[in-house]
C-alpha cells in the first residue's frame, strides 16, 4: 500500500512539475475567448483544474518527507543543514519567519474588528469640517461566518434587506455661493472584511500547533 501511495505521489509531482503550462494556456484562452465550448478546450480546462487540485500535494509532501523538505529549502531559501552551524542558522531564520508571520496575521486579525468612519465636509465651519471615528466590535454572524452563508438562498426574493460589511465611500456635492462647488466625502467600514477573522484565527492556531508538535517530536528524539 505504501509503495502505491509513493507511486501516486510521484505521478502527481511529475504532473505538477511539467503540467503548469496547461494552466496558463487555459487562463489565457478563457480570458481572450471566454468559456470553453469545444472538446479540446473542455479537456484543457479539466486538465488545468486537475493541476489546481493536485497543487496542495507538493507542500504537504515537503512537510512529511525530510529529504524533499531540505532539498526544497536549499533551492528556495539557500539554506542547507549540513553541519551544526547551518542547523543553528536555519533554526534562527525559521523562528524569525514564524514570529514575523504571526505578527502580521495578528495585525490583520485586529483589522477585521476595527471600523473607521471618516467625514470631510469643506462647506461646513472649520470646527465641523472633519470627523474621524474609530471603533472596535465583534459580531459572531460576520466574524465567525467566513463564507457569508446566511441560510437564505436569495435575500432579495425573501424581502430581506442586507447592509454590506465592506467599506463604502459616498461623495456628495454642495453649492457654495462665493466659491465653486466642492465635494463632501463620507467613508466608513471595517479595515479588513470580518469574514477573514475565522480564517486568520485558524491559521494562527495551526502555525503555533505545528511548531509546538514538531519541536516536541524533535525533543523526544523522533526525527521528522
Foldseek 3Di string as FASTA:
>chain_A
DVVVVVVVLVVLVVCLVPVVVLLVVLVVCCVPPNDDDDDVNVVSVVSNVVSVVSVVSQVVVLVVDVVSVQVVCCVPVVQHPPDPVSVVVVVVVVVVVLVVVLVVLVVVLQLQFKKWKWKAAPVDDPVPGIDIDIDGDDDCQFLVALVNDDPDPDCVVVVHDDDDQAKDWDKDWDCDVPDGIDIIIIIMHGSDGSSCNVVSVVVNVVSVVVVVVQVVCVVVVNDD
